[in-house]
């Protein structure tokens, strides 16, 4: 693992992430590593020591996975409120979205050849 549960807890401002068990945070970090690795299209081990931008991207994505994996209502977009003895829950159709870390990772992404272009030679008749 490239970040630790302790680092994730220190980074996060969410109590649900800070109180989440380290064993579960390891799974969230693993999901984040897979996601970031897919975005840069290269193994993270190619970047040892890990640049600050990749580390921050990992922390952001790991925090996202920790939040949605810890509370079903967050992932489904439920809202609940309690007024005295009365409480209600409703969904507004929105849910958390994966943070966009593409700006942090753009300098590390594998640059490949475009497979959508073509070459055409034109000559006069």
N, C-alpha and C. Protein backbone atom coordinates (compact mmCIF):
# COMPACT_ATOMS: atom_id res chain seq x y z
N UNK A 1 0.83 -1.18 0.00
CA UNK A 1 0.00 0.00 0.00
C UNK A 1 0.88 1.24 0.00
N UNK A 2 0.43 2.24 -0.72
CA UNK A 2 1.22 3.46 -0.88
C UNK A 2 0.85 4.55 0.13
N UNK A 3 -0.35 4.44 0.72
CA UNK A 3 -0.72 5.30 1.84
C UNK A 3 -1.24 4.39 2.94
N UNK A 4 -1.20 4.88 4.16
CA UNK A 4 -1.62 4.06 5.29
C UNK A 4 -2.97 4.54 5.82
N UNK A 5 -3.68 3.68 6.56
CA UNK A 5 -4.92 4.11 7.19
C UNK A 5 -4.72 5.32 8.11
N UNK A 6 -3.58 5.41 8.77
CA UNK A 6 -3.29 6.54 9.65
C UNK A 6 -3.20 7.84 8.84
N UNK A 7 -2.52 7.79 7.70
CA UNK A 7 -2.42 8.97 6.84
C UNK A 7 -3.80 9.39 6.34
N UNK A 8 -4.63 8.43 5.99
CA UNK A 8 -5.97 8.73 5.51
C UNK A 8 -6.81 9.38 6.61
N UNK A 9 -6.68 8.88 7.83
CA UNK A 9 -7.42 9.47 8.95
C UNK A 9 -6.95 10.89 9.24
N UNK A 10 -5.65 11.13 9.12
CA UNK A 10 -5.12 12.47 9.34
C UNK A 10 -5.57 13.45 8.26
N UNK A 11 -5.70 12.96 7.03
CA UNK A 11 -6.11 13.80 5.91
C UNK A 11 -7.59 14.16 5.97
N UNK A 12 -8.41 13.22 6.34
CA UNK A 12 -9.86 13.39 6.25
C UNK A 12 -10.42 14.31 7.33
N UNK A 13 -11.46 15.05 6.96
CA UNK A 13 -12.18 15.89 7.90
C UNK A 13 -13.47 15.21 8.34
N UNK A 14 -13.77 14.04 7.80
CA UNK A 14 -15.01 13.33 8.09
C UNK A 14 -14.82 12.38 9.27
N UNK A 15 -15.68 12.50 10.26
CA UNK A 15 -15.61 11.63 11.44
C UNK A 15 -15.82 10.16 11.09
N UNK A 16 -16.70 9.89 10.12
CA UNK A 16 -16.95 8.50 9.75
C UNK A 16 -15.70 7.83 9.18
N UNK A 17 -14.84 8.61 8.53
CA UNK A 17 -13.59 8.05 8.01
C UNK A 17 -12.60 7.88 9.16
N UNK A 18 -12.53 8.86 10.05
CA UNK A 18 -11.60 8.80 11.18
C UNK A 18 -11.92 7.65 12.13
N UNK A 19 -13.21 7.31 12.23
CA UNK A 19 -13.63 6.25 13.16
C UNK A 19 -13.69 4.88 12.48
N UNK A 20 -13.48 4.82 11.19
CA UNK A 20 -13.54 3.55 10.46
C UNK A 20 -12.34 2.68 10.85
N UNK A 21 -12.57 1.40 10.96
CA UNK A 21 -11.52 0.46 11.35
C UNK A 21 -10.40 0.43 10.30
N UNK A 22 -9.16 0.30 10.77
CA UNK A 22 -8.01 0.26 9.87
C UNK A 22 -8.12 -0.87 8.86
N UNK A 23 -8.65 -2.01 9.29
CA UNK A 23 -8.77 -3.14 8.37
C UNK A 23 -9.70 -2.81 7.20
N UNK A 24 -10.75 -2.03 7.46
CA UNK A 24 -11.66 -1.63 6.39
C UNK A 24 -11.06 -0.52 5.55
N UNK A 25 -10.30 0.38 6.18
CA UNK A 25 -9.64 1.45 5.42
C UNK A 25 -8.62 0.88 4.45
N UNK A 26 -8.00 -0.24 4.81
CA UNK A 26 -7.04 -0.87 3.88
C UNK A 26 -7.73 -1.28 2.58
N UNK A 27 -8.97 -1.77 2.69
CA UNK A 27 -9.72 -2.13 1.49
C UNK A 27 -10.08 -0.88 0.68
N UNK A 28 -10.44 0.20 1.37
CA UNK A 28 -10.76 1.45 0.69
C UNK A 28 -9.52 1.99 -0.05
N UNK A 29 -8.37 1.88 0.59
CA UNK A 29 -7.12 2.33 -0.02
C UNK A 29 -6.79 1.47 -1.23
N UNK A 30 -7.03 0.17 -1.13
CA UNK A 30 -6.79 -0.73 -2.25
C UNK A 30 -7.66 -0.35 -3.45
N UNK A 31 -8.93 -0.02 -3.18
CA UNK A 31 -9.82 0.44 -4.26
C UNK A 31 -9.29 1.73 -4.88
N UNK A 32 -8.81 2.64 -4.04
CA UNK A 32 -8.28 3.91 -4.53
C UNK A 32 -7.04 3.69 -5.39
N UNK A 33 -6.17 2.81 -4.95
CA UNK A 33 -4.96 2.52 -5.72
C UNK A 33 -5.31 1.95 -7.09
N UNK A 34 -6.28 1.07 -7.14
CA UNK A 34 -6.70 0.50 -8.43
C UNK A 34 -7.28 1.58 -9.33
N UNK A 35 -8.06 2.49 -8.76
CA UNK A 35 -8.67 3.56 -9.53
C UNK A 35 -7.62 4.50 -10.09
N UNK A 36 -6.68 4.93 -9.26
CA UNK A 36 -5.64 5.86 -9.71
C UNK A 36 -4.73 5.19 -10.72
N UNK A 37 -4.40 3.94 -10.48
CA UNK A 37 -3.54 3.21 -11.42
C UNK A 37 -4.22 3.09 -12.78
N UNK A 38 -5.51 2.90 -12.79
CA UNK A 38 -6.26 2.82 -14.06
C UNK A 38 -6.21 4.16 -14.79
N UNK A 39 -6.28 5.25 -14.03
CA UNK A 39 -6.26 6.58 -14.66
C UNK A 39 -4.91 6.92 -15.27
N UNK A 40 -3.82 6.52 -14.61
CA UNK A 40 -2.50 6.84 -15.16
C UNK A 40 -1.98 5.75 -16.10
N UNK A 41 -2.63 4.61 -16.11
CA UNK A 41 -2.33 3.49 -17.01
C UNK A 41 -0.90 2.96 -16.85
N UNK A 42 -0.35 3.14 -15.67
CA UNK A 42 0.96 2.60 -15.33
C UNK A 42 0.92 2.12 -13.89
N UNK A 43 1.72 1.11 -13.55
CA UNK A 43 1.76 0.66 -12.15
C UNK A 43 2.27 1.77 -11.23
N UNK A 44 1.66 1.89 -10.07
CA UNK A 44 2.09 2.90 -9.10
C UNK A 44 3.51 2.65 -8.63
N UNK A 45 3.95 1.40 -8.66
CA UNK A 45 5.31 1.08 -8.20
C UNK A 45 6.37 1.71 -9.10
N UNK A 46 5.98 2.17 -10.30
CA UNK A 46 6.91 2.87 -11.18
C UNK A 46 7.24 4.26 -10.67
N UNK A 47 6.48 4.73 -9.69
CA UNK A 47 6.65 6.08 -9.14
C UNK A 47 7.10 6.02 -7.69
N UNK A 48 8.22 5.36 -7.44
CA UNK A 48 8.76 5.30 -6.08
C UNK A 48 9.98 6.21 -6.04
N UNK A 49 10.04 7.18 -5.16
CA UNK A 49 9.05 7.57 -4.17
C UNK A 49 7.83 8.20 -4.85
N UNK A 50 6.69 8.07 -4.20
CA UNK A 50 5.43 8.54 -4.75
C UNK A 50 5.39 10.07 -4.77
N UNK A 51 5.16 10.68 -5.95
CA UNK A 51 5.05 12.14 -6.01
C UNK A 51 3.88 12.65 -5.18
N UNK A 52 3.99 13.88 -4.71
CA UNK A 52 2.95 14.47 -3.85
C UNK A 52 1.59 14.50 -4.54
N UNK A 53 1.56 14.72 -5.85
CA UNK A 53 0.29 14.79 -6.57
C UNK A 53 -0.42 13.44 -6.57
N UNK A 54 0.33 12.37 -6.77
CA UNK A 54 -0.28 11.03 -6.76
C UNK A 54 -0.72 10.68 -5.35
N UNK A 55 0.07 11.03 -4.36
CA UNK A 55 -0.30 10.76 -2.96
C UNK A 55 -1.60 11.48 -2.61
N UNK A 56 -1.73 12.75 -3.01
CA UNK A 56 -2.96 13.50 -2.74
C UNK A 56 -4.15 12.89 -3.47
N UNK A 57 -3.94 12.48 -4.71
CA UNK A 57 -5.02 11.83 -5.46
C UNK A 57 -5.46 10.55 -4.76
N UNK A 58 -4.51 9.77 -4.27
CA UNK A 58 -4.84 8.55 -3.53
C UNK A 58 -5.64 8.85 -2.27
N UNK A 59 -5.24 9.88 -1.55
CA UNK A 59 -5.96 10.26 -0.32
C UNK A 59 -7.39 10.68 -0.63
N UNK A 60 -7.57 11.49 -1.67
CA UNK A 60 -8.91 11.95 -2.05
C UNK A 60 -9.81 10.79 -2.45
N UNK A 61 -9.29 9.91 -3.29
CA UNK A 61 -10.10 8.79 -3.78
C UNK A 61 -10.34 7.78 -2.66
N UNK A 62 -9.36 7.54 -1.82
CA UNK A 62 -9.54 6.62 -0.69
C UNK A 62 -10.58 7.16 0.29
N UNK A 63 -10.56 8.46 0.53
CA UNK A 63 -11.57 9.06 1.40
C UNK A 63 -12.97 8.86 0.81
N UNK A 64 -13.10 9.04 -0.49
CA UNK A 64 -14.39 8.82 -1.16
C UNK A 64 -14.87 7.39 -0.94
N UNK A 65 -13.99 6.41 -1.19
CA UNK A 65 -14.39 5.01 -1.01
C UNK A 65 -14.71 4.70 0.45
N UNK A 66 -13.96 5.29 1.38
CA UNK A 66 -14.24 5.08 2.80
C UNK A 66 -15.62 5.62 3.16
N UNK A 67 -15.97 6.77 2.60
CA UNK A 67 -17.28 7.35 2.89
C UNK A 67 -18.42 6.52 2.32
N UNK A 68 -18.31 6.14 1.06
CA UNK A 68 -19.44 5.41 0.47
C UNK A 68 -19.52 3.98 0.97
N UNK A 69 -18.39 3.40 1.36
CA UNK A 69 -18.42 2.03 1.88
C UNK A 69 -18.86 1.98 3.34
N UNK A 70 -18.82 3.11 4.03
CA UNK A 70 -19.17 3.10 5.44
C UNK A 70 -20.64 3.40 5.69
N UNK A 71 -21.32 4.01 4.73
CA UNK A 71 -22.69 4.42 4.97
C UNK A 71 -23.51 4.26 3.70
N UNK A 72 -24.45 3.35 3.71
CA UNK A 72 -25.28 3.09 2.54
C UNK A 72 -26.09 4.32 2.14
N UNK A 73 -26.53 5.11 3.12
CA UNK A 73 -27.35 6.27 2.80
C UNK A 73 -26.57 7.30 2.00
N UNK A 74 -25.24 7.41 2.24
CA UNK A 74 -24.43 8.35 1.47
C UNK A 74 -24.34 7.89 0.02
N UNK A 75 -24.11 6.61 -0.18
CA UNK A 75 -23.94 6.12 -1.54
C UNK A 75 -25.23 6.17 -2.34
N UNK A 76 -26.38 6.12 -1.67
CA UNK A 76 -27.66 6.14 -2.39
C UNK A 76 -28.32 7.51 -2.40
N UNK A 77 -27.75 8.48 -1.69
CA UNK A 77 -28.29 9.82 -1.72
C UNK A 77 -29.48 10.05 -0.81
N UNK A 78 -29.61 9.29 0.25
CA UNK A 78 -30.72 9.48 1.18
C UNK A 78 -30.46 10.69 2.06
N UNK A 79 -31.55 11.35 2.42
CA UNK A 79 -31.48 12.44 3.39
C UNK A 79 -32.43 12.08 4.52
N UNK A 80 -32.01 12.31 5.73
CA UNK A 80 -32.89 12.03 6.86
C UNK A 80 -32.86 13.20 7.82
N UNK A 81 -33.96 13.36 8.51
CA UNK A 81 -34.07 14.44 9.47
C UNK A 81 -34.95 13.97 10.61
N UNK A 82 -34.64 14.43 11.80
CA UNK A 82 -35.42 14.07 12.97
C UNK A 82 -35.90 15.35 13.64
N UNK A 83 -37.21 15.42 13.84
CA UNK A 83 -37.82 16.56 14.51
C UNK A 83 -38.59 16.00 15.70
N UNK A 84 -38.03 16.18 16.89
CA UNK A 84 -38.66 15.61 18.09
C UNK A 84 -38.69 14.09 18.00
N UNK A 85 -39.89 13.50 18.12
CA UNK A 85 -40.05 12.05 18.02
C UNK A 85 -40.31 11.61 16.58
N UNK A 86 -40.42 12.54 15.68
CA UNK A 86 -40.75 12.22 14.29
C UNK A 86 -39.48 12.27 13.44
N UNK A 87 -39.28 11.27 12.62
CA UNK A 87 -38.14 11.29 11.71
C UNK A 87 -38.59 10.80 10.35
N UNK A 88 -37.91 11.27 9.33
CA UNK A 88 -38.23 10.82 7.97
C UNK A 88 -36.94 10.70 7.17
N UNK A 89 -37.04 9.91 6.13
CA UNK A 89 -35.92 9.71 5.22
C UNK A 89 -36.45 9.79 3.80
N UNK A 90 -35.71 10.48 2.95
CA UNK A 90 -36.11 10.56 1.55
C UNK A 90 -34.87 10.62 0.69
N UNK A 91 -35.00 10.19 -0.52
CA UNK A 91 -33.90 10.25 -1.46
C UNK A 91 -34.15 11.35 -2.46
N UNK A 92 -33.11 12.09 -2.79
CA UNK A 92 -33.29 13.15 -3.77
C UNK A 92 -32.69 12.78 -5.12
N UNK A 93 -32.28 11.52 -5.26
CA UNK A 93 -31.76 11.05 -6.54
C UNK A 93 -30.30 11.36 -6.77
N UNK A 94 -29.65 12.04 -5.84
CA UNK A 94 -28.24 12.34 -6.01
C UNK A 94 -27.42 11.48 -5.06
N UNK A 95 -26.21 11.26 -5.41
CA UNK A 95 -25.29 10.53 -4.54
C UNK A 95 -23.91 11.14 -4.71
N UNK A 96 -22.99 10.71 -3.89
CA UNK A 96 -21.62 11.22 -3.99
C UNK A 96 -21.01 10.76 -5.31
N UNK A 97 -20.20 11.62 -5.87
CA UNK A 97 -19.49 11.25 -7.09
C UNK A 97 -17.99 11.17 -6.79
N UNK A 98 -17.33 10.34 -7.53
CA UNK A 98 -15.89 10.15 -7.38
C UNK A 98 -15.19 11.48 -7.63
N UNK A 99 -14.27 11.88 -6.75
CA UNK A 99 -13.58 13.16 -6.97
C UNK A 99 -12.75 13.13 -8.25
N UNK A 100 -12.76 14.24 -8.94
CA UNK A 100 -11.99 14.36 -10.17
C UNK A 100 -10.55 14.71 -9.82
N UNK A 101 -9.67 13.75 -9.97
CA UNK A 101 -8.25 13.96 -9.65
C UNK A 101 -7.41 13.98 -10.93
N UNK A 102 -8.06 14.15 -12.06
CA UNK A 102 -7.34 14.11 -13.34
C UNK A 102 -6.30 15.22 -13.45
N UNK A 103 -6.57 16.39 -12.87
CA UNK A 103 -5.58 17.47 -12.91
C UNK A 103 -4.33 17.10 -12.13
N UNK A 104 -4.50 16.37 -11.02
CA UNK A 104 -3.35 15.94 -10.24
C UNK A 104 -2.53 14.88 -10.97
N UNK A 105 -3.19 14.08 -11.80
CA UNK A 105 -2.54 12.93 -12.42
C UNK A 105 -2.11 13.15 -13.86
N UNK A 106 -2.46 14.29 -14.45
CA UNK A 106 -2.22 14.48 -15.88
C UNK A 106 -0.75 14.39 -16.27
N UNK A 107 0.16 14.78 -15.40
CA UNK A 107 1.59 14.73 -15.74
C UNK A 107 2.17 13.32 -15.62
N UNK A 108 1.39 12.41 -15.05
CA UNK A 108 1.89 11.05 -14.82
C UNK A 108 1.20 10.02 -15.71
N UNK A 109 0.17 10.43 -16.42
CA UNK A 109 -0.58 9.50 -17.25
C UNK A 109 0.25 9.05 -18.44
N UNK A 110 0.08 7.81 -18.79
CA UNK A 110 0.79 7.24 -19.93
C UNK A 110 0.27 7.90 -21.20
N UNK A 111 1.18 8.40 -21.98
CA UNK A 111 0.80 9.04 -23.23
C UNK A 111 1.05 8.04 -24.34
N UNK A 112 -0.03 7.61 -24.95
CA UNK A 112 0.08 6.62 -26.01
C UNK A 112 -0.30 7.22 -27.35
N UNK A 113 -0.17 6.42 -28.38
CA UNK A 113 -0.57 6.87 -29.70
C UNK A 113 -2.07 6.86 -29.80
N UNK A 114 -2.58 7.82 -30.50
CA UNK A 114 -4.02 7.89 -30.71
C UNK A 114 -4.44 6.82 -31.69
N UNK A 115 -5.47 6.09 -31.36
CA UNK A 115 -5.97 5.02 -32.24
C UNK A 115 -7.20 5.47 -33.01
N UNK A 116 -7.58 6.74 -32.85
CA UNK A 116 -8.78 7.21 -33.54
C UNK A 116 -8.44 7.96 -34.81
N UNK A 117 -7.19 8.34 -35.00
CA UNK A 117 -6.81 9.10 -36.18
C UNK A 117 -6.49 8.19 -37.36
N UNK A 118 -6.33 8.79 -38.50
CA UNK A 118 -5.94 8.02 -39.67
C UNK A 118 -5.07 8.90 -40.54
N UNK A 119 -4.38 8.28 -41.48
CA UNK A 119 -3.51 9.00 -42.39
C UNK A 119 -4.06 8.86 -43.78
N UNK A 120 -4.15 10.00 -44.49
CA UNK A 120 -4.66 9.96 -45.86
C UNK A 120 -3.73 10.79 -46.74
N UNK A 121 -3.35 10.19 -47.85
CA UNK A 121 -2.48 10.89 -48.80
C UNK A 121 -3.34 11.28 -50.00
N UNK A 122 -3.25 12.54 -50.39
CA UNK A 122 -4.04 13.05 -51.51
C UNK A 122 -3.09 13.48 -52.61
N UNK A 123 -3.45 13.14 -53.83
CA UNK A 123 -2.65 13.57 -54.97
C UNK A 123 -3.57 14.10 -56.07
N UNK A 124 -3.08 15.01 -56.85
CA UNK A 124 -3.93 15.56 -57.92
C UNK A 124 -4.14 14.54 -59.03
N UNK A 125 -5.26 14.63 -59.71
CA UNK A 125 -5.57 13.71 -60.81
C UNK A 125 -5.13 14.26 -62.12
